PDB file of N, CA and C in Angstrom:
ATOM      1  N   UNK A   1      50.687 -40.818 -13.077  1.00  0.00           N
ATOM      2  CA  UNK A   1      49.515 -39.966 -13.160  1.00  0.00           C
ATOM      3  C   UNK A   1      48.548 -40.318 -12.035  1.00  0.00           C
ATOM      4  N   UNK A   2      47.997 -39.305 -11.383  1.00  0.00           N
ATOM      5  CA  UNK A   2      47.038 -39.542 -10.316  1.00  0.00           C
ATOM      6  C   UNK A   2      45.711 -40.000 -10.905  1.00  0.00           C
ATOM      7  N   UNK A   3      45.109 -40.948 -10.209  1.00  0.00           N
ATOM      8  CA  UNK A   3      43.811 -41.426 -10.648  1.00  0.00           C
ATOM      9  C   UNK A   3      42.715 -40.572 -10.034  1.00  0.00           C
ATOM     10  N   UNK A   4      41.561 -40.595 -10.660  1.00  0.00           N
ATOM     11  CA  UNK A   4      40.407 -39.855 -10.178  1.00  0.00           C
ATOM     12  C   UNK A   4      39.992 -40.389  -8.817  1.00  0.00           C
ATOM     13  N   UNK A   5      39.720 -39.490  -7.887  1.00  0.00           N
ATOM     14  CA  UNK A   5      39.247 -39.856  -6.559  1.00  0.00           C
ATOM     15  C   UNK A   5      37.968 -39.068  -6.294  1.00  0.00           C
ATOM     16  N   UNK A   6      36.860 -39.777  -6.199  1.00  0.00           N
ATOM     17  CA  UNK A   6      35.561 -39.130  -6.025  1.00  0.00           C
ATOM     18  C   UNK A   6      35.502 -38.329  -4.731  1.00  0.00           C
ATOM     19  N   UNK A   7      36.106 -38.825  -3.676  1.00  0.00           N
ATOM     20  CA  UNK A   7      36.096 -38.115  -2.398  1.00  0.00           C
ATOM     21  C   UNK A   7      36.842 -36.796  -2.472  1.00  0.00           C
ATOM     22  N   UNK A   8      37.981 -36.806  -3.124  1.00  0.00           N
ATOM     23  CA  UNK A   8      38.766 -35.585  -3.280  1.00  0.00           C
ATOM     24  C   UNK A   8      38.015 -34.574  -4.143  1.00  0.00           C
ATOM     25  N   UNK A   9      37.399 -35.051  -5.203  1.00  0.00           N
ATOM     26  CA  UNK A   9      36.620 -34.169  -6.066  1.00  0.00           C
ATOM     27  C   UNK A   9      35.436 -33.576  -5.307  1.00  0.00           C
ATOM     28  N   UNK A  10      34.754 -34.375  -4.523  1.00  0.00           N
ATOM     29  CA  UNK A  10      33.614 -33.876  -3.739  1.00  0.00           C
ATOM     30  C   UNK A  10      34.079 -32.830  -2.725  1.00  0.00           C
ATOM     31  N   UNK A  11      35.229 -33.049  -2.105  1.00  0.00           N
ATOM     32  CA  UNK A  11      35.765 -32.073  -1.154  1.00  0.00           C
ATOM     33  C   UNK A  11      36.112 -30.766  -1.861  1.00  0.00           C
ATOM     34  N   UNK A  12      36.681 -30.862  -3.049  1.00  0.00           N
ATOM     35  CA  UNK A  12      36.992 -29.670  -3.839  1.00  0.00           C
ATOM     36  C   UNK A  12      35.709 -28.885  -4.146  1.00  0.00           C
ATOM     37  N   UNK A  13      34.663 -29.591  -4.549  1.00  0.00           N
ATOM     38  CA  UNK A  13      33.398 -28.930  -4.856  1.00  0.00           C
ATOM     39  C   UNK A  13      32.755 -28.333  -3.604  1.00  0.00           C
ATOM     40  N   UNK A  14      32.887 -29.017  -2.472  1.00  0.00           N
ATOM     41  CA  UNK A  14      32.364 -28.477  -1.213  1.00  0.00           C
ATOM     42  C   UNK A  14      33.035 -27.151  -0.885  1.00  0.00           C
ATOM     43  N   UNK A  15      34.340 -27.084  -1.048  1.00  0.00           N
ATOM     44  CA  UNK A  15      35.063 -25.835  -0.782  1.00  0.00           C
ATOM     45  C   UNK A  15      34.650 -24.740  -1.766  1.00  0.00           C
ATOM     46  N   UNK A  16      34.498 -25.110  -3.034  1.00  0.00           N
ATOM     47  CA  UNK A  16      34.113 -24.126  -4.048  1.00  0.00           C
ATOM     48  C   UNK A  16      32.754 -23.515  -3.716  1.00  0.00           C
ATOM     49  N   UNK A  17      31.779 -24.364  -3.358  1.00  0.00           N
ATOM     50  CA  UNK A  17      30.460 -23.843  -3.041  1.00  0.00           C
ATOM     51  C   UNK A  17      30.430 -23.107  -1.710  1.00  0.00           C
ATOM     52  N   UNK A  18      31.265 -23.473  -0.769  1.00  0.00           N
ATOM     53  CA  UNK A  18      31.368 -22.717   0.480  1.00  0.00           C
ATOM     54  C   UNK A  18      31.906 -21.318   0.196  1.00  0.00           C
ATOM     55  N   UNK A  19      32.877 -21.219  -0.692  1.00  0.00           N
ATOM     56  CA  UNK A  19      33.407 -19.905  -1.085  1.00  0.00           C
ATOM     57  C   UNK A  19      32.315 -19.062  -1.754  1.00  0.00           C
ATOM     58  N   UNK A  20      31.545 -19.690  -2.625  1.00  0.00           N
ATOM     59  CA  UNK A  20      30.463 -18.964  -3.293  1.00  0.00           C
ATOM     60  C   UNK A  20      29.425 -18.488  -2.277  1.00  0.00           C
ATOM     61  N   UNK A  21      29.115 -19.340  -1.313  1.00  0.00           N
ATOM     62  CA  UNK A  21      28.146 -18.965  -0.275  1.00  0.00           C
ATOM     63  C   UNK A  21      28.649 -17.756   0.502  1.00  0.00           C
ATOM     64  N   UNK A  22      29.921 -17.753   0.832  1.00  0.00           N
ATOM     65  CA  UNK A  22      30.495 -16.629   1.573  1.00  0.00           C
ATOM     66  C   UNK A  22      30.438 -15.344   0.747  1.00  0.00           C
ATOM     67  N   UNK A  23      30.736 -15.450  -0.547  1.00  0.00           N
ATOM     68  CA  UNK A  23      30.670 -14.256  -1.407  1.00  0.00           C
ATOM     69  C   UNK A  23      29.237 -13.722  -1.509  1.00  0.00           C
ATOM     70  N   UNK A  24      28.274 -14.633  -1.598  1.00  0.00           N
ATOM     71  CA  UNK A  24      26.884 -14.191  -1.689  1.00  0.00           C
ATOM     72  C   UNK A  24      26.423 -13.551  -0.381  1.00  0.00           C
ATOM     73  N   UNK A  25      26.881 -14.073   0.740  1.00  0.00           N
ATOM     74  CA  UNK A  25      26.541 -13.468   2.034  1.00  0.00           C
ATOM     75  C   UNK A  25      27.104 -12.052   2.121  1.00  0.00           C
ATOM     76  N   UNK A  26      28.326 -11.879   1.655  1.00  0.00           N
ATOM     77  CA  UNK A  26      28.931 -10.544   1.638  1.00  0.00           C
ATOM     78  C   UNK A  26      28.151  -9.617   0.711  1.00  0.00           C
ATOM     79  N   UNK A  27      27.772 -10.125  -0.452  1.00  0.00           N
ATOM     80  CA  UNK A  27      26.985  -9.314  -1.391  1.00  0.00           C
ATOM     81  C   UNK A  27      25.639  -8.926  -0.789  1.00  0.00           C
ATOM     82  N   UNK A  28      24.998  -9.857  -0.110  1.00  0.00           N
ATOM     83  CA  UNK A  28      23.710  -9.568   0.526  1.00  0.00           C
ATOM     84  C   UNK A  28      23.871  -8.474   1.574  1.00  0.00           C
ATOM     85  N   UNK A  29      24.921  -8.582   2.364  1.00  0.00           N
ATOM     86  CA  UNK A  29      25.159  -7.562   3.388  1.00  0.00           C
ATOM     87  C   UNK A  29      25.445  -6.202   2.746  1.00  0.00           C
ATOM     88  N   UNK A  30      26.232  -6.196   1.688  1.00  0.00           N
ATOM     89  CA  UNK A  30      26.538  -4.940   1.001  1.00  0.00           C
ATOM     90  C   UNK A  30      25.298  -4.303   0.391  1.00  0.00           C
ATOM     91  N   UNK A  31      24.396  -5.118  -0.117  1.00  0.00           N
ATOM     92  CA  UNK A  31      23.170  -4.589  -0.723  1.00  0.00           C
ATOM     93  C   UNK A  31      22.311  -3.871   0.311  1.00  0.00           C
ATOM     94  N   UNK A  32      22.412  -4.261   1.586  1.00  0.00           N
ATOM     95  CA  UNK A  32      21.625  -3.617   2.636  1.00  0.00           C
ATOM     96  C   UNK A  32      21.961  -2.137   2.775  1.00  0.00           C
ATOM     97  N   UNK A  33      23.146  -1.758   2.349  1.00  0.00           N
ATOM     98  CA  UNK A  33      23.619  -0.388   2.530  1.00  0.00           C
ATOM     99  C   UNK A  33      23.547   0.433   1.243  1.00  0.00           C
ATOM    100  N   UNK A  34      22.744  -0.032   0.276  1.00  0.00           N
ATOM    101  CA  UNK A  34      22.622   0.668  -1.005  1.00  0.00           C
ATOM    102  C   UNK A  34      21.146   0.883  -1.332  1.00  0.00           C
ATOM    103  N   UNK A  35      20.926   1.522  -2.448  1.00  0.00           N
ATOM    104  CA  UNK A  35      19.548   1.713  -2.908  1.00  0.00           C
ATOM    105  C   UNK A  35      18.944   0.400  -3.413  1.00  0.00           C
ATOM    106  N   UNK A  36      19.775  -0.630  -3.519  1.00  0.00           N
ATOM    107  CA  UNK A  36      19.290  -1.953  -3.967  1.00  0.00           C
ATOM    108  C   UNK A  36      19.046  -2.894  -2.790  1.00  0.00           C
ATOM    109  N   UNK A  37      18.728  -2.341  -1.632  1.00  0.00           N
ATOM    110  CA  UNK A  37      18.548  -3.190  -0.442  1.00  0.00           C
ATOM    111  C   UNK A  37      17.451  -4.230  -0.625  1.00  0.00           C
ATOM    112  N   UNK A  38      16.527  -3.962  -1.542  1.00  0.00           N
ATOM    113  CA  UNK A  38      15.458  -4.935  -1.807  1.00  0.00           C
ATOM    114  C   UNK A  38      16.003  -6.242  -2.408  1.00  0.00           C
ATOM    115  N   UNK A  39      17.233  -6.213  -2.930  1.00  0.00           N
ATOM    116  CA  UNK A  39      17.840  -7.416  -3.507  1.00  0.00           C
ATOM    117  C   UNK A  39      18.593  -8.255  -2.480  1.00  0.00           C
ATOM    118  N   UNK A  40      18.766  -7.754  -1.285  1.00  0.00           N
ATOM    119  CA  UNK A  40      19.577  -8.479  -0.299  1.00  0.00           C
ATOM    120  C   UNK A  40      18.993  -9.852   0.028  1.00  0.00           C
ATOM    121  N   UNK A  41      17.692  -9.972   0.072  1.00  0.00           N
ATOM    122  CA  UNK A  41      17.063 -11.267   0.338  1.00  0.00           C
ATOM    123  C   UNK A  41      17.342 -12.282  -0.755  1.00  0.00           C
ATOM    124  N   UNK A  42      17.361 -11.806  -1.995  1.00  0.00           N
ATOM    125  CA  UNK A  42      17.667 -12.699  -3.117  1.00  0.00           C
ATOM    126  C   UNK A  42      19.098 -13.216  -3.024  1.00  0.00           C
ATOM    127  N   UNK A  43      20.025 -12.313  -2.714  1.00  0.00           N
ATOM    128  CA  UNK A  43      21.421 -12.728  -2.576  1.00  0.00           C
ATOM    129  C   UNK A  43      21.578 -13.704  -1.406  1.00  0.00           C
ATOM    130  N   UNK A  44      20.889 -13.435  -0.320  1.00  0.00           N
ATOM    131  CA  UNK A  44      20.961 -14.327   0.840  1.00  0.00           C
ATOM    132  C   UNK A  44      20.385 -15.702   0.513  1.00  0.00           C
ATOM    133  N   UNK A  45      19.307 -15.739  -0.259  1.00  0.00           N
ATOM    134  CA  UNK A  45      18.698 -17.019  -0.636  1.00  0.00           C
ATOM    135  C   UNK A  45      19.648 -17.841  -1.499  1.00  0.00           C
ATOM    136  N   UNK A  46      20.305 -17.194  -2.445  1.00  0.00           N
ATOM    137  CA  UNK A  46      21.269 -17.908  -3.293  1.00  0.00           C
ATOM    138  C   UNK A  46      22.452 -18.387  -2.449  1.00  0.00           C
ATOM    139  N   UNK A  47      22.900 -17.557  -1.521  1.00  0.00           N
ATOM    140  CA  UNK A  47      23.981 -17.967  -0.620  1.00  0.00           C
ATOM    141  C   UNK A  47      23.602 -19.175   0.212  1.00  0.00           C
ATOM    142  N   UNK A  48      22.364 -19.211   0.660  1.00  0.00           N
ATOM    143  CA  UNK A  48      21.881 -20.368   1.427  1.00  0.00           C
ATOM    144  C   UNK A  48      21.874 -21.619   0.564  1.00  0.00           C
ATOM    145  N   UNK A  49      21.455 -21.479  -0.675  1.00  0.00           N
ATOM    146  CA  UNK A  49      21.466 -22.611  -1.606  1.00  0.00           C
ATOM    147  C   UNK A  49      22.892 -23.126  -1.798  1.00  0.00           C
ATOM    148  N   UNK A  50      23.836 -22.205  -2.025  1.00  0.00           N
ATOM    149  CA  UNK A  50      25.238 -22.614  -2.187  1.00  0.00           C
ATOM    150  C   UNK A  50      25.759 -23.310  -0.932  1.00  0.00           C
ATOM    151  N   UNK A  51      25.384 -22.818   0.233  1.00  0.00           N
ATOM    152  CA  UNK A  51      25.823 -23.454   1.479  1.00  0.00           C
ATOM    153  C   UNK A  51      25.255 -24.866   1.594  1.00  0.00           C
ATOM    154  N   UNK A  52      24.002 -25.038   1.199  1.00  0.00           N
ATOM    155  CA  UNK A  52      23.393 -26.372   1.219  1.00  0.00           C
ATOM    156  C   UNK A  52      24.118 -27.324   0.270  1.00  0.00           C
ATOM    157  N   UNK A  53      24.432 -26.843  -0.918  1.00  0.00           N
ATOM    158  CA  UNK A  53      25.155 -27.674  -1.893  1.00  0.00           C
ATOM    159  C   UNK A  53      26.532 -28.036  -1.338  1.00  0.00           C
ATOM    160  N   UNK A  54      27.183 -27.087  -0.694  1.00  0.00           N
ATOM    161  CA  UNK A  54      28.487 -27.353  -0.087  1.00  0.00           C
ATOM    162  C   UNK A  54      28.390 -28.458   0.959  1.00  0.00           C
ATOM    163  N   UNK A  55      27.356 -28.407   1.802  1.00  0.00           N
ATOM    164  CA  UNK A  55      27.176 -29.443   2.822  1.00  0.00           C
ATOM    165  C   UNK A  55      26.941 -30.813   2.198  1.00  0.00           C
ATOM    166  N   UNK A  56      26.203 -30.865   1.095  1.00  0.00           N
ATOM    167  CA  UNK A  56      25.966 -32.140   0.417  1.00  0.00           C
ATOM    168  C   UNK A  56      27.284 -32.715  -0.101  1.00  0.00           C
ATOM    169  N   UNK A  57      28.087 -31.873  -0.751  1.00  0.00           N
ATOM    170  CA  UNK A  57      29.374 -32.357  -1.253  1.00  0.00           C
ATOM    171  C   UNK A  57      30.306 -32.769  -0.110  1.00  0.00           C
ATOM    172  N   UNK A  58      30.261 -32.048   0.989  1.00  0.00           N
ATOM    173  CA  UNK A  58      31.086 -32.430   2.144  1.00  0.00           C
ATOM    174  C   UNK A  58      30.655 -33.790   2.698  1.00  0.00           C
ATOM    175  N   UNK A  59      29.350 -34.034   2.718  1.00  0.00           N
ATOM    176  CA  UNK A  59      28.854 -35.337   3.173  1.00  0.00           C
ATOM    177  C   UNK A  59      29.280 -36.439   2.219  1.00  0.00           C
ATOM    178  N   UNK A  60      29.239 -36.161   0.941  1.00  0.00           N
ATOM    179  CA  UNK A  60      29.686 -37.149  -0.051  1.00  0.00           C
ATOM    180  C   UNK A  60      31.168 -37.440   0.148  1.00  0.00           C
ATOM    181  N   UNK A  61      31.966 -36.398   0.351  1.00  0.00           N
ATOM    182  CA  UNK A  61      33.407 -36.588   0.565  1.00  0.00           C
ATOM    183  C   UNK A  61      33.671 -37.428   1.806  1.00  0.00           C
ATOM    184  N   UNK A  62      32.898 -37.202   2.851  1.00  0.00           N
ATOM    185  CA  UNK A  62      33.061 -37.963   4.092  1.00  0.00           C
ATOM    186  C   UNK A  62      32.672 -39.419   3.911  1.00  0.00           C
ATOM    187  N   UNK A  63      31.632 -39.667   3.126  1.00  0.00           N
ATOM    188  CA  UNK A  63      31.121 -41.029   2.947  1.00  0.00           C
ATOM    189  C   UNK A  63      31.884 -41.828   1.901  1.00  0.00           C
ATOM    190  N   UNK A  64      32.684 -41.161   1.089  1.00  0.00           N
ATOM    191  CA  UNK A  64      33.407 -41.843   0.024  1.00  0.00           C
ATOM    192  C   UNK A  64      34.659 -42.498   0.589  1.00  0.00           C
ATOM    193  N   UNK A  65      34.788 -43.807   0.423  1.00  0.00           N
ATOM    194  CA  UNK A  65      35.978 -44.477   0.950  1.00  0.00           C
ATOM    195  C   UNK A  65      37.238 -44.066   0.189  1.00  0.00           C
ATOM    196  N   UNK A  66      38.331 -44.006   0.907  1.00  0.00           N
ATOM    197  CA  UNK A  66      39.621 -43.711   0.289  1.00  0.00           C
ATOM    198  C   UNK A  66      40.134 -44.973  -0.378  1.00  0.00           C
ATOM    199  N   UNK A  67      40.509 -44.875  -1.644  1.00  0.00           N
ATOM    200  CA  UNK A  67      40.988 -46.088  -2.323  1.00  0.00           C
ATOM    201  C   UNK A  67      42.298 -46.583  -1.712  1.00  0.00           C
ATOM    202  N   UNK A  68      42.401 -47.887  -1.612  1.00  0.00           N
ATOM    203  CA  UNK A  68      43.628 -48.506  -1.100  1.00  0.00           C
ATOM    204  C   UNK A  68      44.680 -48.516  -2.207  1.00  0.00           C
ATOM    205  N   UNK A  69      45.919 -48.203  -1.872  1.00  0.00           N
ATOM    206  CA  UNK A  69      46.950 -48.231  -2.912  1.00  0.00           C
ATOM    207  C   UNK A  69      47.219 -49.672  -3.373  1.00  0.00           C
ATOM    208  N   UNK A  70      47.471 -49.785  -4.667  1.00  0.00           N
ATOM    209  CA  UNK A  70      47.831 -51.099  -5.209  1.00  0.00           C
ATOM    210  C   UNK A  70      49.306 -51.351  -4.898  1.00  0.00           C
ATOM    211  N   UNK A  71      49.768 -52.596  -4.924  1.00  0.00           N
ATOM    212  CA  UNK A  71      51.173 -52.860  -4.628  1.00  0.00           C
ATOM    213  C   UNK A  71      52.140 -52.056  -5.497  1.00  0.00           C
ATOM    214  N   UNK A  72      51.771 -51.802  -6.752  1.00  0.00           N
ATOM    215  CA  UNK A  72      52.640 -51.036  -7.637  1.00  0.00           C
ATOM    216  C   UNK A  72      52.740 -49.586  -7.184  1.00  0.00           C
ATOM    217  N   UNK A  73      51.680 -49.041  -6.580  1.00  0.00           N
ATOM    218  CA  UNK A  73      51.668 -47.655  -6.125  1.00  0.00           C
ATOM    219  C   UNK A  73      52.441 -47.470  -4.823  1.00  0.00           C
ATOM    220  N   UNK A  74      52.624 -48.519  -4.057  1.00  0.00           N
ATOM    221  CA  UNK A  74      53.300 -48.411  -2.774  1.00  0.00           C
ATOM    222  C   UNK A  74      54.800 -48.240  -2.931  1.00  0.00           C
ATOM    223  N   UNK A  75      55.347 -48.645  -4.035  1.00  0.00           N
ATOM    224  CA  UNK A  75      56.804 -48.573  -4.254  1.00  0.00           C
ATOM    225  C   UNK A  75      57.237 -47.252  -4.767  1.00  0.00           C
TER     226      UNK A  75
END
């Protein structure tokens, strides 16, 4: 069984929030072409927040040391 790895989990979360940021950016752009164009700024703000969260998780993943395998795991 694989053990928990904080760096891998942080990288997974960084990707998840980057995907959310991209979806919100697309939604903001789409809102510009509708009668709800007044909402585009709100969508863009949420997308920016998601992008910031993604960068934080990416930094955590980068700073988290990779665990060294134990002798039993090397075999």
